[in-house]
Amino acid sequence: MDWEAYDYRPKRPKEPQPWLKWQVPKEQCLGYITNIFMFIIFVPGLLGFALTPIGIALQILVIDYFMWIRYKMTLND
């Protein structure tokens, strides 16, 4: 048996980049933009809210963080 050719050890789980360095994967790009639009423009407009620039920036940070957590949880499935 050629021991150098076959590695039977279990593979390490994939680790995503830290939140501040992560980039949205190409296959999730449309869903990411849709979620940002929905939570920044559609839902506040539907409820009659007007967001300030700081409110929009904070909301983008929170949405991005939760989408990174969701991506991290589904990465090794």
PDB file of N, CA and C in Angstrom:
ATOM      1  N   MET A   1       0.847  -1.178   0.000  1.00  0.00           N
ATOM      2  CA  MET A   1       0.000   0.000   0.000  1.00  0.00           C
ATOM      3  C   MET A   1       0.892   1.240   0.000  1.00  0.00           C
ATOM      4  N   ASP A   2       0.532   2.196  -0.783  1.00  0.00           N
ATOM      5  CA  ASP A   2       1.303   3.431  -0.889  1.00  0.00           C
ATOM      6  C   ASP A   2       0.810   4.418   0.161  1.00  0.00           C
ATOM      7  N   TRP A   3       1.533   4.533   1.254  1.00  0.00           N
ATOM      8  CA  TRP A   3       1.077   5.346   2.385  1.00  0.00           C
ATOM      9  C   TRP A   3       1.121   6.837   2.082  1.00  0.00           C
ATOM     10  N   GLU A   4       1.944   7.249   1.187  1.00  0.00           N
ATOM     11  CA  GLU A   4       2.051   8.668   0.892  1.00  0.00           C
ATOM     12  C   GLU A   4       0.957   9.155  -0.050  1.00  0.00           C
ATOM     13  N   ALA A   5       0.288   8.272  -0.734  1.00  0.00           N
ATOM     14  CA  ALA A   5      -0.722   8.687  -1.701  1.00  0.00           C
ATOM     15  C   ALA A   5      -2.109   8.799  -1.092  1.00  0.00           C
ATOM     16  N   TYR A   6      -2.389   8.050  -0.049  1.00  0.00           N
ATOM     17  CA  TYR A   6      -3.729   8.029   0.534  1.00  0.00           C
ATOM     18  C   TYR A   6      -3.697   8.627   1.936  1.00  0.00           C
ATOM     19  N   ASP A   7      -4.544   9.578   2.157  1.00  0.00           N
ATOM     20  CA  ASP A   7      -4.636  10.200   3.480  1.00  0.00           C
ATOM     21  C   ASP A   7      -6.010   9.860   4.049  1.00  0.00           C
ATOM     22  N   TYR A   8      -6.028   8.955   5.031  1.00  0.00           N
ATOM     23  CA  TYR A   8      -7.292   8.492   5.600  1.00  0.00           C
ATOM     24  C   TYR A   8      -7.729   9.297   6.814  1.00  0.00           C
ATOM     25  N   ARG A   9      -6.959  10.310   7.158  1.00  0.00           N
ATOM     26  CA  ARG A   9      -7.347  11.133   8.302  1.00  0.00           C
ATOM     27  C   ARG A   9      -8.578  11.959   7.953  1.00  0.00           C
ATOM     28  N   PRO A  10      -9.430  12.232   8.936  1.00  0.00           N
ATOM     29  CA  PRO A  10     -10.601  13.061   8.633  1.00  0.00           C
ATOM     30  C   PRO A  10     -10.170  14.480   8.254  1.00  0.00           C
ATOM     31  N   LYS A  11     -10.894  15.041   7.316  1.00  0.00           N
ATOM     32  CA  LYS A  11     -10.586  16.393   6.858  1.00  0.00           C
ATOM     33  C   LYS A  11     -10.983  17.412   7.914  1.00  0.00           C
ATOM     34  N   ARG A  12     -10.219  18.475   8.009  1.00  0.00           N
ATOM     35  CA  ARG A  12     -10.551  19.549   8.937  1.00  0.00           C
ATOM     36  C   ARG A  12     -11.767  20.305   8.404  1.00  0.00           C
ATOM     37  N   PRO A  13     -12.637  20.746   9.284  1.00  0.00           N
ATOM     38  CA  PRO A  13     -13.788  21.517   8.805  1.00  0.00           C
ATOM     39  C   PRO A  13     -13.338  22.847   8.217  1.00  0.00           C
ATOM     40  N   LYS A  14     -14.088  23.305   7.229  1.00  0.00           N
ATOM     41  CA  LYS A  14     -13.775  24.583   6.601  1.00  0.00           C
ATOM     42  C   LYS A  14     -14.049  25.712   7.585  1.00  0.00           C
ATOM     43  N   GLU A  15     -13.136  26.633   7.652  1.00  0.00           N
ATOM     44  CA  GLU A  15     -13.284  27.792   8.529  1.00  0.00           C
ATOM     45  C   GLU A  15     -13.454  29.033   7.665  1.00  0.00           C
ATOM     46  N   PRO A  16     -14.506  29.787   7.878  1.00  0.00           N
ATOM     47  CA  PRO A  16     -14.649  31.021   7.100  1.00  0.00           C
ATOM     48  C   PRO A  16     -13.698  32.089   7.617  1.00  0.00           C
ATOM     49  N   GLN A  17     -13.545  33.108   6.831  1.00  0.00           N
ATOM     50  CA  GLN A  17     -12.738  34.245   7.264  1.00  0.00           C
ATOM     51  C   GLN A  17     -13.430  34.940   8.420  1.00  0.00           C
ATOM     52  N   PRO A  18     -12.690  35.718   9.213  1.00  0.00           N
ATOM     53  CA  PRO A  18     -13.348  36.502  10.262  1.00  0.00           C
ATOM     54  C   PRO A  18     -14.379  37.449   9.659  1.00  0.00           C
ATOM     55  N   TRP A  19     -15.311  37.884  10.475  1.00  0.00           N
ATOM     56  CA  TRP A  19     -16.431  38.678   9.979  1.00  0.00           C
ATOM     57  C   TRP A  19     -15.975  39.942   9.258  1.00  0.00           C
ATOM     58  N   LEU A  20     -14.970  40.617   9.765  1.00  0.00           N
ATOM     59  CA  LEU A  20     -14.542  41.872   9.148  1.00  0.00           C
ATOM     60  C   LEU A  20     -13.833  41.673   7.813  1.00  0.00           C
ATOM     61  N   LYS A  21     -13.408  40.444   7.501  1.00  0.00           N
ATOM     62  CA  LYS A  21     -12.694  40.177   6.250  1.00  0.00           C
ATOM     63  C   LYS A  21     -13.492  39.339   5.258  1.00  0.00           C
ATOM     64  N   TRP A  22     -14.688  38.922   5.624  1.00  0.00           N
ATOM     65  CA  TRP A  22     -15.401  37.983   4.763  1.00  0.00           C
ATOM     66  C   TRP A  22     -15.980  38.686   3.549  1.00  0.00           C
ATOM     67  N   GLN A  23     -16.098  37.945   2.457  1.00  0.00           N
ATOM     68  CA  GLN A  23     -16.725  38.415   1.231  1.00  0.00           C
ATOM     69  C   GLN A  23     -17.872  37.475   0.921  1.00  0.00           C
ATOM     70  N   VAL A  24     -18.929  38.033   0.390  1.00  0.00           N
ATOM     71  CA  VAL A  24     -20.095  37.221   0.049  1.00  0.00           C
ATOM     72  C   VAL A  24     -19.726  36.322  -1.128  1.00  0.00           C
ATOM     73  N   PRO A  25     -19.956  35.002  -1.021  1.00  0.00           N
ATOM     74  CA  PRO A  25     -19.669  34.107  -2.143  1.00  0.00           C
ATOM     75  C   PRO A  25     -20.552  34.435  -3.348  1.00  0.00           C
ATOM     76  N   LYS A  26     -20.057  34.108  -4.533  1.00  0.00           N
ATOM     77  CA  LYS A  26     -20.770  34.435  -5.773  1.00  0.00           C
ATOM     78  C   LYS A  26     -22.163  33.820  -5.814  1.00  0.00           C
ATOM     79  N   GLU A  27     -22.291  32.592  -5.311  1.00  0.00           N
ATOM     80  CA  GLU A  27     -23.590  31.918  -5.388  1.00  0.00           C
ATOM     81  C   GLU A  27     -24.615  32.506  -4.420  1.00  0.00           C
ATOM     82  N   GLN A  28     -24.188  33.295  -3.444  1.00  0.00           N
ATOM     83  CA  GLN A  28     -25.117  33.897  -2.483  1.00  0.00           C
ATOM     84  C   GLN A  28     -25.300  35.395  -2.697  1.00  0.00           C
ATOM     85  N   CYS A  29     -24.744  35.928  -3.762  1.00  0.00           N
ATOM     86  CA  CYS A  29     -24.737  37.373  -3.980  1.00  0.00           C
ATOM     87  C   CYS A  29     -26.148  37.933  -4.157  1.00  0.00           C
ATOM     88  N   LEU A  30     -26.973  37.293  -4.961  1.00  0.00           N
ATOM     89  CA  LEU A  30     -28.323  37.799  -5.205  1.00  0.00           C
ATOM     90  C   LEU A  30     -29.162  37.767  -3.931  1.00  0.00           C
ATOM     91  N   GLY A  31     -29.062  36.710  -3.153  1.00  0.00           N
ATOM     92  CA  GLY A  31     -29.790  36.633  -1.891  1.00  0.00           C
ATOM     93  C   GLY A  31     -29.326  37.675  -0.895  1.00  0.00           C
ATOM     94  N   TYR A  32     -28.020  37.964  -0.890  1.00  0.00           N
ATOM     95  CA  TYR A  32     -27.475  38.982   0.012  1.00  0.00           C
ATOM     96  C   TYR A  32     -28.039  40.360  -0.343  1.00  0.00           C
ATOM     97  N   ILE A  33     -28.014  40.704  -1.617  1.00  0.00           N
ATOM     98  CA  ILE A  33     -28.533  42.007  -2.050  1.00  0.00           C
ATOM     99  C   ILE A  33     -30.026  42.095  -1.796  1.00  0.00           C
ATOM    100  N   THR A  34     -30.755  41.003  -2.019  1.00  0.00           N
ATOM    101  CA  THR A  34     -32.195  40.991  -1.759  1.00  0.00           C
ATOM    102  C   THR A  34     -32.484  41.215  -0.279  1.00  0.00           C
ATOM    103  N   ASN A  35     -31.750  40.553   0.594  1.00  0.00           N
ATOM    104  CA  ASN A  35     -31.959  40.741   2.036  1.00  0.00           C
ATOM    105  C   ASN A  35     -31.630  42.160   2.474  1.00  0.00           C
ATOM    106  N   ILE A  36     -30.539  42.713   1.968  1.00  0.00           N
ATOM    107  CA  ILE A  36     -30.184  44.092   2.319  1.00  0.00           C
ATOM    108  C   ILE A  36     -31.294  45.040   1.874  1.00  0.00           C
ATOM    109  N   PHE A  37     -31.761  44.901   0.635  1.00  0.00           N
ATOM    110  CA  PHE A  37     -32.832  45.768   0.137  1.00  0.00           C
ATOM    111  C   PHE A  37     -34.097  45.609   0.973  1.00  0.00           C
ATOM    112  N   MET A  38     -34.439  44.365   1.281  1.00  0.00           N
ATOM    113  CA  MET A  38     -35.674  44.119   2.015  1.00  0.00           C
ATOM    114  C   MET A  38     -35.624  44.731   3.413  1.00  0.00           C
ATOM    115  N   PHE A  39     -34.517  44.552   4.123  1.00  0.00           N
ATOM    116  CA  PHE A  39     -34.449  45.030   5.504  1.00  0.00           C
ATOM    117  C   PHE A  39     -34.089  46.507   5.620  1.00  0.00           C
ATOM    118  N   ILE A  40     -33.523  47.108   4.588  1.00  0.00           N
ATOM    119  CA  ILE A  40     -33.158  48.521   4.644  1.00  0.00           C
ATOM    120  C   ILE A  40     -34.252  49.406   4.051  1.00  0.00           C
ATOM    121  N   ILE A  41     -34.896  48.975   2.988  1.00  0.00           N
ATOM    122  CA  ILE A  41     -35.852  49.832   2.285  1.00  0.00           C
ATOM    123  C   ILE A  41     -37.289  49.339   2.449  1.00  0.00           C
ATOM    124  N   PHE A  42     -37.526  48.066   2.160  1.00  0.00           N
ATOM    125  CA  PHE A  42     -38.900  47.572   2.066  1.00  0.00           C
ATOM    126  C   PHE A  42     -39.605  47.498   3.418  1.00  0.00           C
ATOM    127  N   VAL A  43     -39.013  46.830   4.394  1.00  0.00           N
ATOM    128  CA  VAL A  43     -39.672  46.651   5.697  1.00  0.00           C
ATOM    129  C   VAL A  43     -39.875  47.982   6.423  1.00  0.00           C
ATOM    130  N   PRO A  44     -38.858  48.860   6.519  1.00  0.00           N
ATOM    131  CA  PRO A  44     -39.129  50.155   7.165  1.00  0.00           C
ATOM    132  C   PRO A  44     -40.164  50.987   6.406  1.00  0.00           C
ATOM    133  N   GLY A  45     -40.142  50.935   5.081  1.00  0.00           N
ATOM    134  CA  GLY A  45     -41.145  51.664   4.298  1.00  0.00           C
ATOM    135  C   GLY A  45     -42.538  51.100   4.498  1.00  0.00           C
ATOM    136  N   LEU A  46     -42.633  49.798   4.618  1.00  0.00           N
ATOM    137  CA  LEU A  46     -43.922  49.156   4.852  1.00  0.00           C
ATOM    138  C   LEU A  46     -44.491  49.537   6.215  1.00  0.00           C
ATOM    139  N   LEU A  47     -43.613  49.694   7.194  1.00  0.00           N
ATOM    140  CA  LEU A  47     -44.045  50.061   8.541  1.00  0.00           C
ATOM    141  C   LEU A  47     -44.131  51.568   8.747  1.00  0.00           C
ATOM    142  N   GLY A  48     -43.722  52.359   7.770  1.00  0.00           N
ATOM    143  CA  GLY A  48     -43.821  53.807   7.868  1.00  0.00           C
ATOM    144  C   GLY A  48     -42.658  54.468   8.569  1.00  0.00           C
ATOM    145  N   PHE A  49     -41.511  53.800   8.638  1.00  0.00           N
ATOM    146  CA  PHE A  49     -40.328  54.375   9.278  1.00  0.00           C
ATOM    147  C   PHE A  49     -39.462  55.077   8.244  1.00  0.00           C
ATOM    148  N   ALA A  50     -38.757  56.092   8.682  1.00  0.00           N
ATOM    149  CA  ALA A  50     -37.743  56.744   7.857  1.00  0.00           C
ATOM    150  C   ALA A  50     -36.410  56.602   8.587  1.00  0.00           C
ATOM    151  N   LEU A  51     -35.468  55.930   7.964  1.00  0.00           N
ATOM    152  CA  LEU A  51     -34.184  55.682   8.608  1.00  0.00           C
ATOM    153  C   LEU A  51     -33.214  56.833   8.357  1.00  0.00           C
ATOM    154  N   THR A  52     -32.427  57.143   9.362  1.00  0.00           N
ATOM    155  CA  THR A  52     -31.365  58.132   9.222  1.00  0.00           C
ATOM    156  C   THR A  52     -30.140  57.449   8.625  1.00  0.00           C
ATOM    157  N   PRO A  53     -29.164  58.211   8.153  1.00  0.00           N
ATOM    158  CA  PRO A  53     -27.953  57.572   7.608  1.00  0.00           C
ATOM    159  C   PRO A  53     -27.232  56.683   8.624  1.00  0.00           C
ATOM    160  N   ILE A  54     -27.188  57.112   9.884  1.00  0.00           N
ATOM    161  CA  ILE A  54     -26.545  56.269  10.906  1.00  0.00           C
ATOM    162  C   ILE A  54     -27.377  55.011  11.144  1.00  0.00           C
ATOM    163  N   GLY A  55     -28.690  55.136  11.120  1.00  0.00           N
ATOM    164  CA  GLY A  55     -29.556  53.969  11.277  1.00  0.00           C
ATOM    165  C   GLY A  55     -29.371  52.972  10.150  1.00  0.00           C
ATOM    166  N   ILE A  56     -29.220  53.474   8.927  1.00  0.00           N
ATOM    167  CA  ILE A  56     -28.987  52.587   7.780  1.00  0.00           C
ATOM    168  C   ILE A  56     -27.637  51.884   7.924  1.00  0.00           C
ATOM    169  N   ALA A  57     -26.606  52.629   8.322  1.00  0.00           N
ATOM    170  CA  ALA A  57     -25.271  52.032   8.475  1.00  0.00           C
ATOM    171  C   ALA A  57     -25.267  50.956   9.559  1.00  0.00           C
ATOM    172  N   LEU A  58     -25.893  51.235  10.686  1.00  0.00           N
ATOM    173  CA  LEU A  58     -25.952  50.235  11.760  1.00  0.00           C
ATOM    174  C   LEU A  58     -26.761  49.014  11.338  1.00  0.00           C
ATOM    175  N   GLN A  59     -27.827  49.251  10.616  1.00  0.00           N
ATOM    176  CA  GLN A  59     -28.652  48.136  10.165  1.00  0.00           C
ATOM    177  C   GLN A  59     -27.890  47.271   9.159  1.00  0.00           C
ATOM    178  N   ILE A  60     -27.115  47.880   8.288  1.00  0.00           N
ATOM    179  CA  ILE A  60     -26.303  47.108   7.343  1.00  0.00           C
ATOM    180  C   ILE A  60     -25.280  46.262   8.096  1.00  0.00           C
ATOM    181  N   LEU A  61     -24.650  46.833   9.121  1.00  0.00           N
ATOM    182  CA  LEU A  61     -23.683  46.064   9.911  1.00  0.00           C
ATOM    183  C   LEU A  61     -24.334  44.871  10.599  1.00  0.00           C
ATOM    184  N   VAL A  62     -25.500  45.084  11.184  1.00  0.00           N
ATOM    185  CA  VAL A  62     -26.192  43.999  11.890  1.00  0.00           C
ATOM    186  C   VAL A  62     -26.634  42.919  10.911  1.00  0.00           C
ATOM    187  N   ILE A  63     -27.200  43.311   9.777  1.00  0.00           N
ATOM    188  CA  ILE A  63     -27.649  42.336   8.779  1.00  0.00           C
ATOM    189  C   ILE A  63     -26.459  41.549   8.246  1.00  0.00           C
ATOM    190  N   ASP A  64     -25.355  42.235   7.955  1.00  0.00           N
ATOM    191  CA  ASP A  64     -24.160  41.569   7.449  1.00  0.00           C
ATOM    192  C   ASP A  64     -23.616  40.573   8.469  1.00  0.00           C
ATOM    193  N   TYR A  65     -23.618  40.946   9.738  1.00  0.00           N
ATOM    194  CA  TYR A  65     -23.126  40.047  10.781  1.00  0.00           C
ATOM    195  C   TYR A  65     -23.985  38.785  10.877  1.00  0.00           C
ATOM    196  N   PHE A  66     -25.296  38.942  10.853  1.00  0.00           N
ATOM    197  CA  PHE A  66     -26.163  37.769  10.949  1.00  0.00           C
ATOM    198  C   PHE A  66     -26.092  36.903   9.695  1.00  0.00           C
ATOM    199  N   MET A  67     -25.875  37.512   8.538  1.00  0.00           N
ATOM    200  CA  MET A  67     -25.713  36.712   7.324  1.00  0.00           C
ATOM    201  C   MET A  67     -24.384  35.953   7.355  1.00  0.00           C
ATOM    202  N   TRP A  68     -23.349  36.534   7.962  1.00  0.00           N
ATOM    203  CA  TRP A  68     -22.075  35.828   8.121  1.00  0.00           C
ATOM    204  C   TRP A  68     -22.241  34.641   9.060  1.00  0.00           C
ATOM    205  N   ILE A  69     -22.988  34.817  10.136  1.00  0.00           N
ATOM    206  CA  ILE A  69     -23.243  33.706  11.063  1.00  0.00           C
ATOM    207  C   ILE A  69     -23.997  32.590  10.346  1.00  0.00           C
ATOM    208  N   ARG A  70     -25.003  32.957   9.546  1.00  0.00           N
ATOM    209  CA  ARG A  70     -25.756  31.945   8.799  1.00  0.00           C
ATOM    210  C   ARG A  70     -24.848  31.227   7.800  1.00  0.00           C
ATOM    211  N   TYR A  71     -23.976  31.965   7.129  1.00  0.00           N
ATOM    212  CA  TYR A  71     -23.039  31.348   6.188  1.00  0.00           C
ATOM    213  C   TYR A  71     -22.079  30.409   6.911  1.00  0.00           C
ATOM    214  N   LYS A  72     -21.596  30.831   8.071  1.00  0.00           N
ATOM    215  CA  LYS A  72     -20.659  30.020   8.846  1.00  0.00           C
ATOM    216  C   LYS A  72     -21.311  28.719   9.306  1.00  0.00           C
ATOM    217  N   MET A  73     -22.591  28.771   9.667  1.00  0.00           N
ATOM    218  CA  MET A  73     -23.287  27.567  10.125  1.00  0.00           C
ATOM    219  C   MET A  73     -23.543  26.594   8.984  1.00  0.00           C
ATOM    220  N   THR A  74     -23.768  27.091   7.775  1.00  0.00           N
ATOM    221  CA  THR A  74     -24.065  26.211   6.644  1.00  0.00           C
ATOM    222  C   THR A  74     -22.824  25.812   5.858  1.00  0.00           C
ATOM    223  N   LEU A  75     -21.656  26.294   6.239  1.00  0.00           N
ATOM    224  CA  LEU A  75     -20.444  26.027   5.472  1.00  0.00           C
ATOM    225  C   LEU A  75     -20.056  24.555   5.497  1.00  0.00           C
ATOM    226  N   ASN A  76     -20.176  23.887   6.608  1.00  0.00           N
ATOM    227  CA  ASN A  76     -19.732  22.494   6.736  1.00  0.00           C
ATOM    228  C   ASN A  76     -20.865  21.481   6.636  1.00  0.00           C
ATOM    229  N   ASP A  77     -22.023  21.891   6.226  1.00  0.00           N
ATOM    230  CA  ASP A  77     -23.135  20.935   6.075  1.00  0.00           C
ATOM    231  C   ASP A  77     -23.027  20.155   4.796  1.00  0.00           C
TER     232      ASP A  77
END
